[in-house]
Amino acid sequence: MAAANLIDGRAIAAQLQAETTARVAALKARGVTPGLAFVRVGEDPASKVYVGRKEKSCADLGIVSETHVLPESTSEKDLLALLGKLNTAPHLHGILVQAPLPKHMRQEVVYATVLPTKDVDGFHPVNVGKLMLGDDTGFKPCTPAGVVELLVRSGVKTDGAEVVILGRGNIVGKPMAAMLCQKARGANATVTICHSATRDIKAHCRRADIIVAAMGVAEFLKADMVKPGVVVMDVGVNRVPDATSKTGTKLVGDVDFAAIQPIAGKITPNPGGVGPMTIAVLMQNTVRAAEQAIN
């Protein structure tokens, strides 16, 4: 795993966390402790793990966190009422509603209920609009923002680069495209979004200097789809059967890592690549929300 072309997401996330720790200390010196609320609806096993990791990160950094767990049967109205209370709580600077939500809840309504100034996930329509406009006063979604940080801190030149994004989701694909095409640091790229209706995805991928794989299809990107020296960012999280594992499954990304690593100029491992950056950016967003609340 210590190959020269690996982008070490854990090491880069640690850099971000060190910077965030200093900002938390500065806030505490002014009498303010950043506060983050997690809201989880139901008992989705992956959601429990993700929230647990975020809670630990808060504790490590000195950010106060509180977790509200609601039963799966909770009505949308009751969830919105809870968010209304969290919006007005002065000790809370950020609110994160963990996805997925139960099917009877409208995701877009829930995300739009969180105040834009507390929307550290970057999903409120106001923050989505600011992202499209290149307005840095909004919050950017944590995973694509983490990918940009990985590119910048790994010395990847994005200026004028051909970037192909696999996937058009609202959490990664679309915001990733919006970030990378801006006239900004770690951006200024020519961006193509590929999806399930794209003709000849291989042809698009073969000309890419940078590929961001976020389709949610296990090991979709194969060695014959990339050119030598390509930079590959693997956002995928897929559980596949594995007879050698105690659980009978294992987690893999959207990239055929073993086949592509020898060809790539730089590549993120999975796990240990993009994942740690998502939490590091979330913490950064929370601290910035606290800074904005007192300035």
C-alpha atoms as a PDB file:
ATOM      1  CA  MET A   1       0.000   0.000   0.000  1.00  0.00           C
ATOM      2  CA  ALA A   2       3.005   2.322   0.336  1.00  0.00           C
ATOM      3  CA  ALA A   3       3.363   2.759  -3.414  1.00  0.00           C
ATOM      4  CA  ALA A   4       4.680   6.124  -4.615  1.00  0.00           C
ATOM      5  CA  ASN A   5       1.504   6.931  -6.565  1.00  0.00           C
ATOM      6  CA  LEU A   6      -0.901   6.473  -3.624  1.00  0.00           C
ATOM      7  CA  ILE A   7      -2.770   9.546  -2.377  1.00  0.00           C
ATOM      8  CA  ASP A   8      -2.887   9.004   1.389  1.00  0.00           C
ATOM      9  CA  GLY A   9      -6.269  10.359   2.459  1.00  0.00           C
ATOM     10  CA  ARG A  10      -5.641   9.600   6.127  1.00  0.00           C
ATOM     11  CA  ALA A  11      -2.418  11.660   6.200  1.00  0.00           C
ATOM     12  CA  ILE A  12      -3.985  14.599   4.351  1.00  0.00           C
ATOM     13  CA  ALA A  13      -7.094  14.454   6.570  1.00  0.00           C
ATOM     14  CA  ALA A  14      -4.746  14.630   9.587  1.00  0.00           C
ATOM     15  CA  GLN A  15      -3.261  17.864   8.141  1.00  0.00           C
ATOM     16  CA  LEU A  16      -6.764  19.337   7.881  1.00  0.00           C
ATOM     17  CA  GLN A  17      -7.646  18.197  11.392  1.00  0.00           C
ATOM     18  CA  ALA A  18      -4.499  19.861  12.791  1.00  0.00           C
ATOM     19  CA  GLU A  19      -5.535  23.139  11.129  1.00  0.00           C
ATOM     20  CA  THR A  20      -9.065  22.733  12.502  1.00  0.00           C
ATOM     21  CA  THR A  21      -7.730  22.065  16.025  1.00  0.00           C
ATOM     22  CA  ALA A  22      -5.945  25.442  15.970  1.00  0.00           C
ATOM     23  CA  ARG A  23      -9.161  27.180  14.869  1.00  0.00           C
ATOM     24  CA  VAL A  24     -11.158  25.463  17.645  1.00  0.00           C
ATOM     25  CA  ALA A  25      -8.588  26.698  20.181  1.00  0.00           C
ATOM     26  CA  ALA A  26      -8.895  30.254  18.828  1.00  0.00           C
ATOM     27  CA  LEU A  27     -12.699  30.087  19.148  1.00  0.00           C
ATOM     28  CA  LYS A  28     -12.492  28.745  22.703  1.00  0.00           C
ATOM     29  CA  ALA A  29     -10.152  31.624  23.586  1.00  0.00           C
ATOM     30  CA  ARG A  30     -13.047  33.887  22.584  1.00  0.00           C
ATOM     31  CA  GLY A  31     -15.473  31.937  24.766  1.00  0.00           C
ATOM     32  CA  VAL A  32     -17.100  29.938  21.955  1.00  0.00           C
ATOM     33  CA  THR A  33     -17.117  26.135  21.652  1.00  0.00           C
ATOM     34  CA  PRO A  34     -18.247  24.890  18.218  1.00  0.00           C
ATOM     35  CA  GLY A  35     -21.345  22.676  18.441  1.00  0.00           C
ATOM     36  CA  LEU A  36     -22.633  20.099  15.942  1.00  0.00           C
ATOM     37  CA  ALA A  37     -25.936  18.174  16.061  1.00  0.00           C
ATOM     38  CA  PHE A  38     -26.386  14.820  14.339  1.00  0.00           C
ATOM     39  CA  VAL A  39     -29.869  13.608  13.463  1.00  0.00           C
ATOM     40  CA  ARG A  40     -30.343   9.965  12.547  1.00  0.00           C
ATOM     41  CA  VAL A  41     -33.730   8.442  11.650  1.00  0.00           C
ATOM     42  CA  GLY A  42     -33.967   4.655  11.940  1.00  0.00           C
ATOM     43  CA  GLU A  43     -31.336   2.004  12.623  1.00  0.00           C
ATOM     44  CA  ASP A  44     -29.475   1.744   9.301  1.00  0.00           C
ATOM     45  CA  PRO A  45     -26.216  -0.064  10.262  1.00  0.00           C
ATOM     46  CA  ALA A  46     -23.996   2.038   7.949  1.00  0.00           C
ATOM     47  CA  SER A  47     -25.542   5.269   9.268  1.00  0.00           C
ATOM     48  CA  LYS A  48     -24.749   4.210  12.841  1.00  0.00           C
ATOM     49  CA  VAL A  49     -21.103   3.624  11.886  1.00  0.00           C
ATOM     50  CA  TYR A  50     -20.810   6.945  10.006  1.00  0.00           C
ATOM     51  CA  VAL A  51     -22.349   8.989  12.818  1.00  0.00           C
ATOM     52  CA  GLY A  52     -20.126   7.186  15.329  1.00  0.00           C
ATOM     53  CA  ARG A  53     -17.008   8.184  13.374  1.00  0.00           C
ATOM     54  CA  LYS A  54     -18.169  11.787  13.174  1.00  0.00           C
ATOM     55  CA  GLU A  55     -18.896  11.859  16.929  1.00  0.00           C
ATOM     56  CA  LYS A  56     -15.362  10.582  17.614  1.00  0.00           C
ATOM     57  CA  SER A  57     -13.856  13.225  15.344  1.00  0.00           C
ATOM     58  CA  CYS A  58     -15.778  15.943  17.226  1.00  0.00           C
ATOM     59  CA  ALA A  59     -14.482  14.605  20.548  1.00  0.00           C
ATOM     60  CA  ASP A  60     -10.889  14.505  19.243  1.00  0.00           C
ATOM     61  CA  LEU A  61     -11.089  18.143  18.098  1.00  0.00           C
ATOM     62  CA  GLY A  62     -12.938  19.586  21.099  1.00  0.00           C
ATOM     63  CA  ILE A  63     -16.174  20.197  19.166  1.00  0.00           C
ATOM     64  CA  VAL A  64     -19.302  19.558  21.246  1.00  0.00           C
ATOM     65  CA  SER A  65     -21.683  17.143  19.535  1.00  0.00           C
ATOM     66  CA  GLU A  66     -25.135  15.803  20.311  1.00  0.00           C
ATOM     67  CA  THR A  67     -26.943  12.997  18.518  1.00  0.00           C
ATOM     68  CA  HIS A  68     -30.718  12.777  18.116  1.00  0.00           C
ATOM     69  CA  VAL A  69     -31.935   9.299  17.132  1.00  0.00           C
ATOM     70  CA  LEU A  70     -35.530   9.041  15.944  1.00  0.00           C
ATOM     71  CA  PRO A  71     -37.421   5.813  15.200  1.00  0.00           C
ATOM     72  CA  GLU A  72     -37.977   4.820  11.561  1.00  0.00           C
ATOM     73  CA  SER A  73     -41.715   5.452  12.037  1.00  0.00           C
ATOM     74  CA  THR A  74     -41.186   9.150  12.916  1.00  0.00           C
ATOM     75  CA  SER A  75     -43.350  11.441  10.771  1.00  0.00           C
ATOM     76  CA  GLU A  76     -41.758  14.026   8.505  1.00  0.00           C
ATOM     77  CA  LYS A  77     -43.592  16.700  10.508  1.00  0.00           C
ATOM     78  CA  ASP A  78     -41.934  15.584  13.760  1.00  0.00           C
ATOM     79  CA  LEU A  79     -38.489  15.521  12.149  1.00  0.00           C
ATOM     80  CA  LEU A  80     -39.008  19.051  10.802  1.00  0.00           C
ATOM     81  CA  ALA A  81     -40.119  20.187  14.269  1.00  0.00           C
ATOM     82  CA  LEU A  82     -36.882  18.831  15.777  1.00  0.00           C
ATOM     83  CA  LEU A  83     -34.824  20.609  13.088  1.00  0.00           C
ATOM     84  CA  GLY A  84     -36.707  23.839  13.902  1.00  0.00           C
ATOM     85  CA  LYS A  85     -35.564  23.546  17.544  1.00  0.00           C
ATOM     86  CA  LEU A  86     -31.962  22.805  16.541  1.00  0.00           C
ATOM     87  CA  ASN A  87     -32.003  25.807  14.180  1.00  0.00           C
ATOM     88  CA  THR A  88     -32.697  28.130  17.122  1.00  0.00           C
ATOM     89  CA  ALA A  89     -30.289  26.500  19.609  1.00  0.00           C
ATOM     90  CA  PRO A  90     -27.470  29.038  20.151  1.00  0.00           C
ATOM     91  CA  HIS A  91     -24.905  26.402  21.265  1.00  0.00           C
ATOM     92  CA  LEU A  92     -25.254  24.544  17.934  1.00  0.00           C
ATOM     93  CA  HIS A  93     -23.442  25.920  14.887  1.00  0.00           C
ATOM     94  CA  GLY A  94     -23.956  22.954  12.562  1.00  0.00           C
ATOM     95  CA  ILE A  95     -26.697  20.388  11.893  1.00  0.00           C
ATOM     96  CA  LEU A  96     -26.203  17.162   9.963  1.00  0.00           C
ATOM     97  CA  VAL A  97     -29.128  14.937   8.952  1.00  0.00           C
ATOM     98  CA  GLN A  98     -27.647  11.525   8.207  1.00  0.00           C
ATOM     99  CA  ALA A  99     -28.731   9.908   4.935  1.00  0.00           C
ATOM    100  CA  PRO A 100     -30.516   7.731   4.016  1.00  0.00           C
ATOM    101  CA  LEU A 101     -33.859   8.924   5.321  1.00  0.00           C
ATOM    102  CA  PRO A 102     -36.944   6.666   5.470  1.00  0.00           C
ATOM    103  CA  LYS A 103     -38.884   6.531   2.208  1.00  0.00           C
ATOM    104  CA  HIS A 104     -41.880   8.435   3.628  1.00  0.00           C
ATOM    105  CA  MET A 105     -39.720  11.538   4.144  1.00  0.00           C
ATOM    106  CA  ARG A 106     -38.963  14.028   1.369  1.00  0.00           C
ATOM    107  CA  GLN A 107     -35.211  14.493   1.425  1.00  0.00           C
ATOM    108  CA  GLU A 108     -35.332  17.873  -0.319  1.00  0.00           C
ATOM    109  CA  VAL A 109     -37.835  19.243   2.243  1.00  0.00           C
ATOM    110  CA  VAL A 110     -35.729  17.999   5.158  1.00  0.00           C
ATOM    111  CA  TYR A 111     -32.491  19.504   3.831  1.00  0.00           C
ATOM    112  CA  ALA A 112     -34.202  22.810   3.037  1.00  0.00           C
ATOM    113  CA  THR A 113     -35.458  23.053   6.652  1.00  0.00           C
ATOM    114  CA  VAL A 114     -31.946  23.252   8.131  1.00  0.00           C
ATOM    115  CA  LEU A 115     -30.803  26.893   8.250  1.00  0.00           C
ATOM    116  CA  PRO A 116     -28.291  27.602   5.450  1.00  0.00           C
ATOM    117  CA  THR A 117     -25.921  29.038   8.075  1.00  0.00           C
ATOM    118  CA  LYS A 118     -26.009  25.710   9.973  1.00  0.00           C
ATOM    119  CA  ASP A 119     -26.069  23.457   6.894  1.00  0.00           C
ATOM    120  CA  VAL A 120     -22.523  22.090   7.264  1.00  0.00           C
ATOM    121  CA  ASP A 121     -23.378  19.303   4.792  1.00  0.00           C
ATOM    122  CA  GLY A 122     -23.895  21.857   1.993  1.00  0.00           C
ATOM    123  CA  PHE A 123     -27.265  20.482   0.835  1.00  0.00           C
ATOM    124  CA  HIS A 124     -29.563  23.483   1.432  1.00  0.00           C
ATOM    125  CA  PRO A 125     -30.724  25.091  -1.860  1.00  0.00           C
ATOM    126  CA  VAL A 126     -29.051  28.381  -0.814  1.00  0.00           C
ATOM    127  CA  ASN A 127     -25.677  26.661  -0.395  1.00  0.00           C
ATOM    128  CA  VAL A 128     -26.154  24.693  -3.627  1.00  0.00           C
ATOM    129  CA  GLY A 129     -26.871  27.992  -5.406  1.00  0.00           C
ATOM    130  CA  LYS A 130     -23.800  29.655  -3.884  1.00  0.00           C
ATOM    131  CA  LEU A 131     -21.674  26.736  -5.043  1.00  0.00           C
ATOM    132  CA  MET A 132     -22.953  27.111  -8.620  1.00  0.00           C
ATOM    133  CA  LEU A 133     -22.229  30.859  -8.496  1.00  0.00           C
ATOM    134  CA  GLY A 134     -18.719  30.381  -7.127  1.00  0.00           C
ATOM    135  CA  ASP A 135     -19.689  32.185  -3.906  1.00  0.00           C
ATOM    136  CA  ASP A 136     -17.376  30.898  -1.163  1.00  0.00           C
ATOM    137  CA  THR A 137     -19.549  32.185   1.696  1.00  0.00           C
ATOM    138  CA  GLY A 138     -21.713  29.053   1.457  1.00  0.00           C
ATOM    139  CA  PHE A 139     -20.899  25.552   2.670  1.00  0.00           C
ATOM    140  CA  LYS A 140     -19.714  22.976   0.139  1.00  0.00           C
ATOM    141  CA  PRO A 141     -20.715  19.305   0.325  1.00  0.00           C
ATOM    142  CA  CYS A 142     -18.042  17.496   2.310  1.00  0.00           C
ATOM    143  CA  THR A 143     -17.081  14.638  -0.017  1.00  0.00           C
ATOM    144  CA  PRO A 144     -16.467  16.641  -3.232  1.00  0.00           C
ATOM    145  CA  ALA A 145     -14.771  19.399  -1.202  1.00  0.00           C
ATOM    146  CA  GLY A 146     -12.550  16.676   0.282  1.00  0.00           C
ATOM    147  CA  VAL A 147     -11.652  15.449  -3.211  1.00  0.00           C
ATOM    148  CA  VAL A 148     -10.575  18.983  -4.193  1.00  0.00           C
ATOM    149  CA  GLU A 149      -8.364  19.179  -1.074  1.00  0.00           C
ATOM    150  CA  LEU A 150      -6.791  15.820  -1.945  1.00  0.00           C
ATOM    151  CA  LEU A 151      -6.000  17.042  -5.456  1.00  0.00           C
ATOM    152  CA  VAL A 152      -4.537  20.351  -4.258  1.00  0.00           C
ATOM    153  CA  ARG A 153      -2.473  18.872  -1.418  1.00  0.00           C
ATOM    154  CA  SER A 154      -1.186  16.040  -3.628  1.00  0.00           C
ATOM    155  CA  GLY A 155       0.130  18.550  -6.159  1.00  0.00           C
ATOM    156  CA  VAL A 156      -2.277  17.522  -8.939  1.00  0.00           C
ATOM    157  CA  LYS A 157      -2.604  20.267 -11.562  1.00  0.00           C
ATOM    158  CA  THR A 158      -6.287  20.822 -12.307  1.00  0.00           C
ATOM    159  CA  ASP A 159      -5.843  23.980 -14.405  1.00  0.00           C
ATOM    160  CA  GLY A 160      -6.994  23.089 -17.921  1.00  0.00           C
ATOM    161  CA  ALA A 161      -7.156  19.385 -17.044  1.00  0.00           C
ATOM    162  CA  GLU A 162      -9.701  17.073 -18.653  1.00  0.00           C
ATOM    163  CA  VAL A 163     -11.803  15.721 -15.768  1.00  0.00           C
ATOM    164  CA  VAL A 164     -14.369  12.947 -16.118  1.00  0.00           C
ATOM    165  CA  ILE A 165     -16.839  12.455 -13.270  1.00  0.00           C
ATOM    166  CA  LEU A 166     -18.608   9.107 -13.187  1.00  0.00           C
ATOM    167  CA  GLY A 167     -22.010   9.715 -11.584  1.00  0.00           C
ATOM    168  CA  ARG A 168     -24.445  12.645 -11.492  1.00  0.00           C
ATOM    169  CA  GLY A 169     -25.752  12.396  -7.925  1.00  0.00           C
ATOM    170  CA  ASN A 170     -26.599  15.447  -5.819  1.00  0.00           C
ATOM    171  CA  ILE A 171     -24.160  14.469  -3.064  1.00  0.00           C
ATOM    172  CA  VAL A 172     -20.988  13.991  -5.158  1.00  0.00           C
ATOM    173  CA  GLY A 173     -21.313  14.086  -8.955  1.00  0.00           C
ATOM    174  CA  LYS A 174     -23.087  17.395  -9.586  1.00  0.00           C
ATOM    175  CA  PRO A 175     -21.345  19.432  -6.847  1.00  0.00           C
ATOM    176  CA  MET A 176     -17.993  17.925  -7.870  1.00  0.00           C
ATOM    177  CA  ALA A 177     -18.531  19.200 -11.422  1.00  0.00           C
ATOM    178  CA  ALA A 178     -19.564  22.645 -10.121  1.00  0.00           C
ATOM    179  CA  MET A 179     -16.410  22.896  -7.990  1.00  0.00           C
ATOM    180  CA  LEU A 180     -13.935  21.747 -10.609  1.00  0.00           C
ATOM    181  CA  CYS A 181     -15.171  24.059 -13.375  1.00  0.00           C
ATOM    182  CA  GLN A 182     -14.927  27.244 -11.250  1.00  0.00           C
ATOM    183  CA  LYS A 183     -12.184  29.793 -11.842  1.00  0.00           C
ATOM    184  CA  ALA A 184     -10.556  28.916  -8.519  1.00  0.00           C
ATOM    185  CA  ARG A 185      -7.762  27.098  -6.679  1.00  0.00           C
ATOM    186  CA  GLY A 186      -7.879  23.394  -7.329  1.00  0.00           C
ATOM    187  CA  ALA A 187     -10.328  23.897 -10.191  1.00  0.00           C
ATOM    188  CA  ASN A 188     -10.381  25.598 -13.635  1.00  0.00           C
ATOM    189  CA  ALA A 189     -10.789  22.207 -15.300  1.00  0.00           C
ATOM    190  CA  THR A 190     -12.776  21.049 -18.321  1.00  0.00           C
ATOM    191  CA  VAL A 191     -15.422  18.749 -16.854  1.00  0.00           C
ATOM    192  CA  THR A 192     -17.462  15.921 -18.360  1.00  0.00           C
ATOM    193  CA  ILE A 193     -20.154  14.147 -16.332  1.00  0.00           C
ATOM    194  CA  CYS A 194     -20.847  10.557 -17.371  1.00  0.00           C
ATOM    195  CA  HIS A 195     -23.903   8.610 -16.227  1.00  0.00           C
ATOM    196  CA  SER A 196     -26.112   5.629 -17.061  1.00  0.00           C
ATOM    197  CA  ALA A 197     -27.248   7.150 -20.379  1.00  0.00           C
ATOM    198  CA  THR A 198     -23.767   8.201 -21.565  1.00  0.00           C
ATOM    199  CA  ARG A 199     -22.714   6.669 -24.875  1.00  0.00           C
ATOM    200  CA  ASP A 200     -19.256   5.070 -24.867  1.00  0.00           C
ATOM    201  CA  ILE A 201     -18.137   5.903 -21.333  1.00  0.00           C
ATOM    202  CA  LYS A 202     -14.807   4.218 -22.090  1.00  0.00           C
ATOM    203  CA  ALA A 203     -13.980   6.812 -24.771  1.00  0.00           C
ATOM    204  CA  HIS A 204     -14.620   9.668 -22.329  1.00  0.00           C
ATOM    205  CA  CYS A 205     -12.546   8.026 -19.588  1.00  0.00           C
ATOM    206  CA  ARG A 206      -9.637   7.237 -21.948  1.00  0.00           C
ATOM    207  CA  ARG A 207      -9.008  10.943 -22.629  1.00  0.00           C
ATOM    208  CA  ALA A 208      -9.331  12.034 -18.980  1.00  0.00           C
ATOM    209  CA  ASP A 209      -6.388  13.428 -17.019  1.00  0.00           C
ATOM    210  CA  ILE A 210      -8.411  13.040 -13.807  1.00  0.00           C
ATOM    211  CA  ILE A 211     -11.284  10.632 -13.123  1.00  0.00           C
ATOM    212  CA  VAL A 212     -13.615  10.923 -10.104  1.00  0.00           C
ATOM    213  CA  ALA A 213     -15.544   7.665  -9.740  1.00  0.00           C
ATOM    214  CA  ALA A 214     -18.821   8.168  -7.839  1.00  0.00           C
ATOM    215  CA  MET A 215     -21.370   5.880  -9.521  1.00  0.00           C
ATOM    216  CA  GLY A 216     -21.924   3.381  -6.730  1.00  0.00           C
ATOM    217  CA  VAL A 217     -21.048   0.426  -8.986  1.00  0.00           C
ATOM    218  CA  ALA A 218     -18.433  -1.933  -7.563  1.00  0.00           C
ATOM    219  CA  GLU A 219     -15.109  -1.795  -9.477  1.00  0.00           C
ATOM    220  CA  PHE A 220     -16.788  -0.209 -12.514  1.00  0.00           C
ATOM    221  CA  LEU A 221     -13.650   1.577 -13.756  1.00  0.00           C
ATOM    222  CA  LYS A 222     -11.358  -0.990 -15.429  1.00  0.00           C
ATOM    223  CA  ALA A 223      -7.760  -0.785 -16.611  1.00  0.00           C
ATOM    224  CA  ASP A 224      -8.723  -0.616 -20.308  1.00  0.00           C
ATOM    225  CA  MET A 225     -10.776   2.519 -19.610  1.00  0.00           C
ATOM    226  CA  VAL A 226      -7.868   4.732 -18.499  1.00  0.00           C
ATOM    227  CA  LYS A 227      -4.734   6.209 -20.037  1.00  0.00           C
ATOM    228  CA  PRO A 228      -1.273   5.919 -18.450  1.00  0.00           C
ATOM    229  CA  GLY A 229      -0.603   8.622 -15.845  1.00  0.00           C
ATOM    230  CA  VAL A 230      -4.287   9.297 -15.073  1.00  0.00           C
ATOM    231  CA  VAL A 231      -5.214  10.574 -11.595  1.00  0.00           C
ATOM    232  CA  VAL A 232      -8.030   8.457 -10.120  1.00  0.00           C
ATOM    233  CA  MET A 233     -10.210   9.483  -7.164  1.00  0.00           C
ATOM    234  CA  ASP A 234     -12.398   6.623  -5.933  1.00  0.00           C
ATOM    235  CA  VAL A 235     -15.476   7.807  -4.011  1.00  0.00           C
ATOM    236  CA  GLY A 236     -17.427   4.539  -4.214  1.00  0.00           C
ATOM    237  CA  VAL A 237     -18.510   2.487  -1.197  1.00  0.00           C
ATOM    238  CA  ASN A 238     -19.902  -0.906  -2.240  1.00  0.00           C
ATOM    239  CA  ARG A 239     -20.362  -4.096  -0.239  1.00  0.00           C
ATOM    240  CA  VAL A 240     -19.620  -7.249  -2.267  1.00  0.00           C
ATOM    241  CA  PRO A 241     -19.490 -10.972  -1.371  1.00  0.00           C
ATOM    242  CA  ASP A 242     -16.163 -12.231   0.018  1.00  0.00           C
ATOM    243  CA  ALA A 243     -15.862 -15.846   1.149  1.00  0.00           C
ATOM    244  CA  THR A 244     -12.573 -15.120   2.976  1.00  0.00           C
ATOM    245  CA  SER A 245     -14.143 -12.476   5.247  1.00  0.00           C
ATOM    246  CA  LYS A 246     -15.777 -13.206   8.620  1.00  0.00           C
ATOM    247  CA  THR A 247     -18.853 -11.249   7.558  1.00  0.00           C
ATOM    248  CA  GLY A 248     -18.941 -12.885   4.121  1.00  0.00           C
ATOM    249  CA  THR A 249     -18.615  -9.470   2.466  1.00  0.00           C
ATOM    250  CA  LYS A 250     -16.027  -6.761   1.894  1.00  0.00           C
ATOM    251  CA  LEU A 251     -16.074  -3.089   0.950  1.00  0.00           C
ATOM    252  CA  VAL A 252     -14.736  -2.033  -2.441  1.00  0.00           C
ATOM    253  CA  GLY A 253     -14.781   1.204  -4.394  1.00  0.00           C
ATOM    254  CA  ASP A 254     -15.961   2.056  -7.909  1.00  0.00           C
ATOM    255  CA  VAL A 255     -12.431   1.468  -9.245  1.00  0.00           C
ATOM    256  CA  ASP A 256     -10.675  -1.827 -10.041  1.00  0.00           C
ATOM    257  CA  PHE A 257      -7.802  -0.691  -7.835  1.00  0.00           C
ATOM    258  CA  ALA A 258      -5.393  -3.625  -8.321  1.00  0.00           C
ATOM    259  CA  ALA A 259      -5.588  -3.355 -12.121  1.00  0.00           C
ATOM    260  CA  ILE A 260      -5.453   0.455 -12.361  1.00  0.00           C
ATOM    261  CA  GLN A 261      -2.842   1.318  -9.720  1.00  0.00           C
ATOM    262  CA  PRO A 262       0.137   0.231 -11.889  1.00  0.00           C
ATOM    263  CA  ILE A 263      -1.102   2.494 -14.732  1.00  0.00           C
ATOM    264  CA  ALA A 264      -2.154   5.549 -12.716  1.00  0.00           C
ATOM    265  CA  GLY A 265      -0.057   8.629 -12.046  1.00  0.00           C
ATOM    266  CA  LYS A 266      -1.834   9.008  -8.707  1.00  0.00           C
ATOM    267  CA  ILE A 267      -4.700   7.059  -7.162  1.00  0.00           C
ATOM    268  CA  THR A 268      -6.660   7.007  -3.891  1.00  0.00           C
ATOM    269  CA  PRO A 269      -6.803   3.706  -2.019  1.00  0.00           C
ATOM    270  CA  ASN A 270     -10.217   2.582  -0.837  1.00  0.00           C
ATOM    271  CA  PRO A 271     -10.526   2.593   2.144  1.00  0.00           C
ATOM    272  CA  GLY A 272      -8.071   5.262   3.284  1.00  0.00           C
ATOM    273  CA  GLY A 273      -8.528   7.716   0.433  1.00  0.00           C
ATOM    274  CA  VAL A 274     -11.566   9.968   0.077  1.00  0.00           C
ATOM    275  CA  GLY A 275     -13.439   8.687   3.185  1.00  0.00           C
ATOM    276  CA  PRO A 276     -11.308  10.347   5.898  1.00  0.00           C
ATOM    277  CA  MET A 277     -11.486  13.658   3.994  1.00  0.00           C
ATOM    278  CA  THR A 278     -15.293  13.758   4.165  1.00  0.00           C
ATOM    279  CA  ILE A 279     -15.214  13.878   7.969  1.00  0.00           C
ATOM    280  CA  ALA A 280     -12.260  16.310   8.033  1.00  0.00           C
ATOM    281  CA  VAL A 281     -14.163  18.764   5.794  1.00  0.00           C
ATOM    282  CA  LEU A 282     -17.329  18.362   7.894  1.00  0.00           C
ATOM    283  CA  MET A 283     -15.342  19.399  10.981  1.00  0.00           C
ATOM    284  CA  GLN A 284     -13.851  22.326   9.059  1.00  0.00           C
ATOM    285  CA  ASN A 285     -17.327  23.451   7.950  1.00  0.00           C
ATOM    286  CA  THR A 286     -18.617  23.258  11.536  1.00  0.00           C
ATOM    287  CA  VAL A 287     -15.779  25.433  12.819  1.00  0.00           C
ATOM    288  CA  ARG A 288     -16.357  27.930  10.024  1.00  0.00           C
ATOM    289  CA  ALA A 289     -20.066  28.062  10.932  1.00  0.00           C
ATOM    290  CA  ALA A 290     -19.060  28.911  14.519  1.00  0.00           C
ATOM    291  CA  GLU A 291     -16.620  31.577  13.276  1.00  0.00           C
ATOM    292  CA  GLN A 292     -19.311  33.136  11.069  1.00  0.00           C
ATOM    293  CA  ALA A 293     -21.822  33.108  13.953  1.00  0.00           C
ATOM    294  CA  ILE A 294     -19.642  35.416  16.055  1.00  0.00           C
ATOM    295  CA  ASN A 295     -18.202  37.637  13.305  1.00  0.00           C
END
